N, C-alpha and C. Protein backbone atom coordinates (compact mmCIF):
# COMPACT_ATOMS: atom_id res chain seq x y z
N MET A 1 -1.55 -27.38 -14.42
CA MET A 1 -0.33 -27.24 -15.21
C MET A 1 0.01 -25.79 -15.43
N LYS A 2 -0.92 -24.92 -15.54
CA LYS A 2 -0.70 -23.57 -15.79
C LYS A 2 0.06 -22.96 -14.62
N SER A 3 -0.42 -23.25 -13.42
CA SER A 3 0.25 -22.72 -12.07
C SER A 3 1.73 -23.28 -11.93
N PHE A 4 1.93 -24.48 -12.35
CA PHE A 4 3.23 -25.00 -12.30
C PHE A 4 4.22 -24.37 -13.25
N ALA A 5 3.67 -24.09 -14.37
CA ALA A 5 4.51 -23.32 -15.42
C ALA A 5 4.81 -21.91 -14.95
N LEU A 6 3.78 -21.21 -14.29
CA LEU A 6 3.96 -19.94 -13.78
C LEU A 6 5.04 -19.90 -12.61
N VAL A 7 4.93 -20.84 -11.77
CA VAL A 7 5.88 -20.91 -10.63
C VAL A 7 7.28 -21.23 -11.08
N LEU A 8 7.35 -22.09 -12.16
CA LEU A 8 8.72 -22.39 -12.74
C LEU A 8 9.28 -21.24 -13.45
N TRP A 9 8.45 -20.50 -14.16
CA TRP A 9 8.83 -19.23 -14.79
C TRP A 9 9.33 -18.27 -13.88
N ASN A 10 8.58 -18.05 -12.77
CA ASN A 10 9.04 -16.96 -11.79
C ASN A 10 10.29 -17.43 -11.04
N VAL A 11 10.46 -18.71 -10.75
CA VAL A 11 11.71 -19.15 -10.06
C VAL A 11 12.91 -19.08 -11.01
N LEU A 12 12.78 -19.50 -12.24
CA LEU A 12 13.99 -19.43 -13.13
C LEU A 12 14.35 -17.97 -13.55
N SER A 13 13.30 -17.34 -13.89
CA SER A 13 13.68 -15.93 -14.42
C SER A 13 14.14 -15.04 -13.14
N GLY A 14 13.60 -15.27 -11.94
CA GLY A 14 14.06 -14.67 -10.81
C GLY A 14 15.38 -14.93 -10.48
N LEU A 15 15.82 -16.16 -10.52
CA LEU A 15 17.26 -16.38 -10.21
C LEU A 15 18.16 -15.88 -11.24
N TYR A 16 17.73 -15.87 -12.46
CA TYR A 16 18.52 -15.33 -13.56
C TYR A 16 18.81 -13.91 -13.39
N VAL A 17 17.69 -13.13 -13.14
CA VAL A 17 17.69 -11.74 -13.03
C VAL A 17 18.49 -11.30 -11.70
N LEU A 18 18.22 -12.11 -10.71
CA LEU A 18 18.90 -11.75 -9.35
C LEU A 18 20.40 -11.96 -9.53
N LEU A 19 20.90 -13.00 -10.10
CA LEU A 19 22.31 -13.28 -10.26
C LEU A 19 22.92 -12.31 -11.10
N PHE A 20 22.48 -11.96 -12.28
CA PHE A 20 23.04 -11.03 -13.09
C PHE A 20 22.93 -9.49 -12.60
N SER A 21 21.89 -9.26 -11.87
CA SER A 21 21.84 -7.90 -11.27
C SER A 21 22.88 -7.73 -10.11
N LEU A 22 23.13 -8.77 -9.33
CA LEU A 22 24.21 -8.73 -8.29
C LEU A 22 25.53 -8.72 -8.95
N TRP A 23 25.69 -9.53 -10.00
CA TRP A 23 27.10 -9.53 -10.64
C TRP A 23 27.37 -8.22 -11.32
N LEU A 24 26.47 -7.61 -12.01
CA LEU A 24 26.72 -6.36 -12.72
C LEU A 24 26.79 -5.14 -11.78
N ALA A 25 26.07 -5.32 -10.61
CA ALA A 25 26.22 -4.11 -9.64
C ALA A 25 27.43 -4.27 -8.72
N GLY A 26 28.22 -5.28 -8.80
CA GLY A 26 29.33 -5.53 -8.02
C GLY A 26 30.44 -4.63 -8.51
N PRO A 27 31.63 -4.81 -7.84
CA PRO A 27 32.76 -3.92 -8.23
C PRO A 27 33.40 -4.17 -9.52
N GLY A 28 33.42 -5.38 -9.94
CA GLY A 28 33.97 -5.79 -11.16
C GLY A 28 35.49 -5.72 -11.22
N ILE A 29 36.01 -5.69 -12.39
CA ILE A 29 37.53 -5.58 -12.46
C ILE A 29 37.96 -4.11 -12.74
N ALA A 30 38.73 -3.49 -12.04
CA ALA A 30 39.12 -2.11 -12.17
C ALA A 30 40.65 -1.99 -12.10
N GLU A 31 41.11 -1.01 -12.70
CA GLU A 31 42.65 -0.85 -12.61
C GLU A 31 42.87 0.10 -11.36
N THR A 32 41.97 0.64 -10.70
CA THR A 32 42.25 1.43 -9.51
C THR A 32 42.04 0.47 -8.24
N GLU A 33 42.56 0.97 -7.09
CA GLU A 33 42.32 0.11 -5.89
C GLU A 33 41.08 0.32 -5.25
N THR A 34 40.36 1.31 -5.63
CA THR A 34 38.96 1.52 -5.03
C THR A 34 37.91 0.90 -5.96
N PRO A 35 37.14 0.02 -5.33
CA PRO A 35 36.14 -0.58 -6.30
C PRO A 35 34.99 0.37 -6.62
N THR A 36 34.48 0.30 -7.75
CA THR A 36 33.35 1.09 -8.14
C THR A 36 32.13 0.24 -8.35
N TYR A 37 31.12 0.53 -7.59
CA TYR A 37 29.90 -0.16 -7.59
C TYR A 37 28.85 0.48 -8.51
N ASN A 38 28.12 -0.27 -9.36
CA ASN A 38 27.05 0.41 -10.23
C ASN A 38 25.76 -0.16 -9.73
N LEU A 39 25.15 0.36 -8.83
CA LEU A 39 23.93 -0.15 -8.25
C LEU A 39 22.69 0.11 -9.07
N TRP A 40 22.78 0.75 -10.17
CA TRP A 40 21.64 0.89 -11.07
C TRP A 40 21.04 -0.34 -11.61
N TYR A 41 21.98 -1.36 -11.70
CA TYR A 41 21.57 -2.68 -12.20
C TYR A 41 20.61 -3.38 -11.19
N LEU A 42 20.54 -3.06 -10.02
CA LEU A 42 19.68 -3.57 -9.05
C LEU A 42 18.30 -3.19 -9.40
N LEU A 43 18.08 -2.09 -10.13
CA LEU A 43 16.70 -1.69 -10.44
C LEU A 43 16.13 -2.66 -11.36
N PHE A 44 16.84 -3.48 -12.18
CA PHE A 44 16.11 -4.52 -13.00
C PHE A 44 15.46 -5.56 -12.08
N PHE A 45 16.11 -5.88 -10.90
CA PHE A 45 15.61 -6.85 -10.07
C PHE A 45 14.35 -6.24 -9.36
N VAL A 46 14.34 -4.99 -9.11
CA VAL A 46 13.13 -4.35 -8.48
C VAL A 46 12.02 -4.35 -9.50
N VAL A 47 12.29 -4.21 -10.72
CA VAL A 47 11.34 -4.23 -11.73
C VAL A 47 10.67 -5.64 -11.84
N TRP A 48 11.57 -6.55 -11.78
CA TRP A 48 11.17 -7.99 -11.79
C TRP A 48 10.20 -8.26 -10.55
N LEU A 49 10.59 -7.76 -9.39
CA LEU A 49 9.84 -7.92 -8.20
C LEU A 49 8.41 -7.30 -8.34
N ILE A 50 8.42 -6.10 -8.91
CA ILE A 50 7.04 -5.47 -9.16
C ILE A 50 6.21 -6.43 -10.12
N GLY A 51 6.81 -6.86 -11.09
CA GLY A 51 6.01 -7.83 -12.04
C GLY A 51 5.60 -9.05 -11.28
N LEU A 52 6.32 -9.51 -10.34
CA LEU A 52 5.98 -10.73 -9.54
C LEU A 52 4.83 -10.37 -8.61
N THR A 53 4.73 -9.14 -8.06
CA THR A 53 3.65 -8.82 -7.16
C THR A 53 2.36 -8.68 -8.03
N LEU A 54 2.56 -8.17 -9.24
CA LEU A 54 1.38 -7.93 -10.03
C LEU A 54 0.70 -9.20 -10.54
N GLN A 55 1.50 -10.31 -10.57
CA GLN A 55 1.01 -11.63 -10.99
C GLN A 55 -0.11 -12.14 -9.92
N PHE A 56 0.16 -11.73 -8.62
CA PHE A 56 -0.80 -12.27 -7.65
C PHE A 56 -2.27 -11.77 -7.81
N LYS A 57 -2.38 -10.54 -8.47
CA LYS A 57 -3.81 -10.06 -8.72
C LYS A 57 -4.29 -10.60 -10.05
N ARG A 58 -5.48 -11.22 -10.09
CA ARG A 58 -5.92 -11.91 -11.22
C ARG A 58 -5.97 -11.02 -12.50
N PRO A 59 -6.66 -9.83 -12.45
CA PRO A 59 -6.78 -8.95 -13.56
C PRO A 59 -5.42 -8.47 -14.15
N LEU A 60 -4.34 -8.43 -13.31
CA LEU A 60 -3.12 -7.86 -13.72
C LEU A 60 -2.12 -8.96 -13.93
N ARG A 61 -2.52 -10.11 -14.05
CA ARG A 61 -1.50 -11.25 -14.22
C ARG A 61 -0.70 -11.07 -15.57
N LYS A 62 -1.36 -10.85 -16.60
CA LYS A 62 -0.54 -10.61 -17.83
C LYS A 62 0.31 -9.51 -17.87
N ILE A 63 -0.03 -8.42 -17.22
CA ILE A 63 0.88 -7.28 -17.16
C ILE A 63 2.14 -7.69 -16.30
N GLY A 64 1.74 -8.46 -15.21
CA GLY A 64 2.92 -8.88 -14.33
C GLY A 64 3.91 -9.83 -15.05
N ILE A 65 3.38 -10.71 -15.85
CA ILE A 65 4.30 -11.63 -16.69
C ILE A 65 5.07 -10.84 -17.62
N SER A 66 4.47 -9.93 -18.26
CA SER A 66 5.21 -9.00 -19.20
C SER A 66 6.26 -8.24 -18.52
N THR A 67 5.97 -7.74 -17.35
CA THR A 67 6.82 -6.99 -16.57
C THR A 67 8.05 -7.74 -16.09
N THR A 68 7.73 -8.99 -15.65
CA THR A 68 8.93 -9.86 -15.40
C THR A 68 9.82 -10.25 -16.63
N LEU A 69 9.15 -10.24 -17.76
CA LEU A 69 9.82 -10.56 -19.03
C LEU A 69 10.86 -9.38 -19.43
N LEU A 70 10.61 -8.25 -19.07
CA LEU A 70 11.47 -7.15 -19.47
C LEU A 70 12.89 -7.22 -19.01
N PRO A 71 13.16 -7.42 -17.61
CA PRO A 71 14.56 -7.54 -17.19
C PRO A 71 15.13 -8.85 -17.62
N PHE A 72 14.37 -9.92 -17.75
CA PHE A 72 14.88 -11.17 -18.23
C PHE A 72 15.42 -11.14 -19.61
N MET A 73 14.59 -10.51 -20.49
CA MET A 73 15.01 -10.39 -21.88
C MET A 73 16.26 -9.43 -21.97
N PHE A 74 16.35 -8.32 -21.15
CA PHE A 74 17.49 -7.49 -21.13
C PHE A 74 18.78 -8.32 -20.96
N TYR A 75 18.74 -9.04 -19.87
CA TYR A 75 19.87 -9.78 -19.50
C TYR A 75 20.18 -10.97 -20.51
N LEU A 76 19.12 -11.48 -21.09
CA LEU A 76 19.31 -12.49 -22.09
C LEU A 76 20.00 -11.92 -23.32
N VAL A 77 19.54 -10.75 -23.72
CA VAL A 77 20.15 -10.16 -24.85
C VAL A 77 21.62 -9.81 -24.59
N LEU A 78 21.93 -9.31 -23.48
CA LEU A 78 23.33 -9.01 -23.05
C LEU A 78 24.19 -10.39 -23.08
N THR A 79 23.62 -11.42 -22.63
CA THR A 79 24.25 -12.77 -22.59
C THR A 79 24.65 -13.21 -24.06
N VAL A 80 23.62 -13.18 -24.89
CA VAL A 80 23.76 -13.51 -26.26
C VAL A 80 24.79 -12.68 -26.93
N GLN A 81 24.79 -11.37 -26.72
CA GLN A 81 25.74 -10.50 -27.42
C GLN A 81 27.07 -10.74 -26.83
N ALA A 82 27.32 -11.12 -25.57
CA ALA A 82 28.55 -11.43 -25.01
C ALA A 82 29.12 -12.74 -25.56
N ILE A 83 28.29 -13.69 -25.83
CA ILE A 83 28.70 -14.91 -26.34
C ILE A 83 29.05 -14.91 -27.81
N THR A 84 28.32 -14.05 -28.56
CA THR A 84 28.52 -14.00 -29.99
C THR A 84 29.69 -13.06 -30.43
N ILE A 85 30.00 -12.15 -29.60
CA ILE A 85 31.11 -11.19 -29.94
C ILE A 85 32.41 -11.76 -29.57
């Protein structure tokens, strides 16, 4: 059951972080004709990937889970703020 929960966490958090990273890194809505890309948001997905690879090593599993939690929580806070404002 633990491994199923871990796989489910990795799939759901990975999709959430990947979709928001791609969406925020995209051109967005601009008043000029040249789109502006903000590729810094893709670093959150890279941090998530580092956490995922750390989870495969038994002694580093807790560090990997907390590392995947950081970008997920960042996007979750942004989502909650956008909904409540």
